[in-house]
Amino acid sequence: MNFAESRFWTVLISGLAVVLILRGLLWPWLCRGDRIAVYDKAALTGLGLYLLLKVSWLTFAIFITVAVVSYVGLWWILKLDLGHRRRLLFVLIPLQLLPLLYYKYSNFVLNQVLGLDFSTLRDLAIPVGISFYTFQKVAFVVDTLGFRKPMPRFLDYLAFAGFFPQVVAGPIERREGLLPQMEQFRFRWDPAALNEGAGWIALGLFFKCCLGDNIASYFIGAWRTNPFSIWLDNLTFGLRLYYDFAGYSLVALGLARCVGVQLTLNFLSPYCSTSMVEFWRRWHVSLSQWFRDYLYIPMGGGRSRFWMFNLAVVFVVSGIWHGAGWGFIVWGAIHAAALIGNRLLGPKVPLPRFVGWVATLGVAFAAWLAFYETDPVALLEKTRTLLTPGRYTLAALRETLHHWPAGDRFVLACFLLLAGVTLWVEWRSVAVMDRAYAHLRRPWVSCVLVILTVLLAATRNNAFIYFAF
């Protein structure tokens, strides 16, 4: 479901119109008992499944498979004696993860790590959103058993598992946050919720279509020996990744709010962070909390004497979650090392806020190299270039500056300036109001963002980058 495509909005609005027209026509029958509640939840679920089907048959089929296996497996476990439940959990969770492991990691493990030659695995299409909805269902199973929660009705569960704004790219919602809202869901006309949701949608589309897509067109990725060009690639990729993924999350938040549902704010202006610890409290919040609660704390967390090992495992696994490749493992290891250093040295060597901000962004943007460079040989060569002082010459700087014609250089500078102004406004929202994006959601600012999006939206449509994860 690409929020940046007009087709998505056409299908969504048409689907909602059909749902509400049928609701009106059937109202005399629906208003008896709890029929209206069942209809509303069934309509919401059906709309979400239809939108998944429009993405691809494979995405729809794998989602339904994981959803049914999770529900039926959990129902079966709850029927057994309490003493057997924990053991059976180690059977159900691998079954939930099996499609994810096959489609996303089988080629990397069998062909690249073990050196085998399974040609059929090389061109596997990864079902959109499989990493997100699989983790959400795993958390649902663990929370239901761990906190001894009752089994929800299948319709409520399916509405929770397939809620259309967030199913393919998050946020990864938890049972206690989203399921009660699905159980109580009704289609209601709420002007305040619609107004709030529209503000989030405007901001998300500005992030994605105006900033993310335009900056993405200046990412080259082929430089190996010019450090300035590699840093420019890191900058454009890092900005594109943030504005693209945060843009999706904000549109999802806005769509959910329009139908009366609250989702997790998945990004909290992470590029305003002054330490790596703060960065990971603000970047992809729902995934960070998932790893904290289901991996880091069960391993012993930060109070264990092995806390450095625990942290390293979490971030290496986080890197693997993002993609099957050595670069993702390196990316996770870089962030683990930065967080360990932050925890060891932070209290002893406090940095001024500006210096901490520069250091944090320096580490974050340097690490993006390992995120986008999939060739290990090229990754090593680029890393050597960045770490070799002699490569930073005036000739290399001129080569970078004159790679594009003057007109393109001017356009790139304008979009980088617009991104800088946006980050400054984000910073003011965090520093003054302690609320991410507060200033960017003021009504007059939303109007400006809509105008900028209409005027400056990239002509080439780019899919959301996290659909690949």
Foldseek 3Di string as FASTA:
>chain_A
DFPLDVVVVVLLVVLVVVLVVVCVVCVVVCVPDPNQLVSQLVSQLVSLLVVLVVVDPVLSVLLVVLLVLLQVLLVVLVVDDLVCNVVSLVVSLCVLCVLVCQQFAPCLVVCVVVPDDDPVNPPRDRRAQSLQLSLLSNLASCCCSVVVNDRDDSSLSSCQSRRRLARRQDDSDHCVAASVCSSVFHQDQDVVLLLLLLLLLLQLLLLQFFQLVVLVVPQDLPDQQQLVNLLSNLVSVVSNQCSLSLSSLSNSQSVCSRRPGHGDNQAQLLLLDLALVSSQCGHRPSLSVSLVVPQQVVVPHPVDPCNLVSLLVSLLVVLVSQHSAPLSSVLSNLSSVRVVCCVVCCVVDPDPSVVSSVVNVVSVSVSCLSVPDRDPVSSVSNVVSNVDVVSPDPVSVVCNQVVDPPVVSVVSVVSVVVSVVVSVVQNCCCPPVVGGCPVCSDPVNSVVSNVSSVVRGDPDDDGRPSSSD
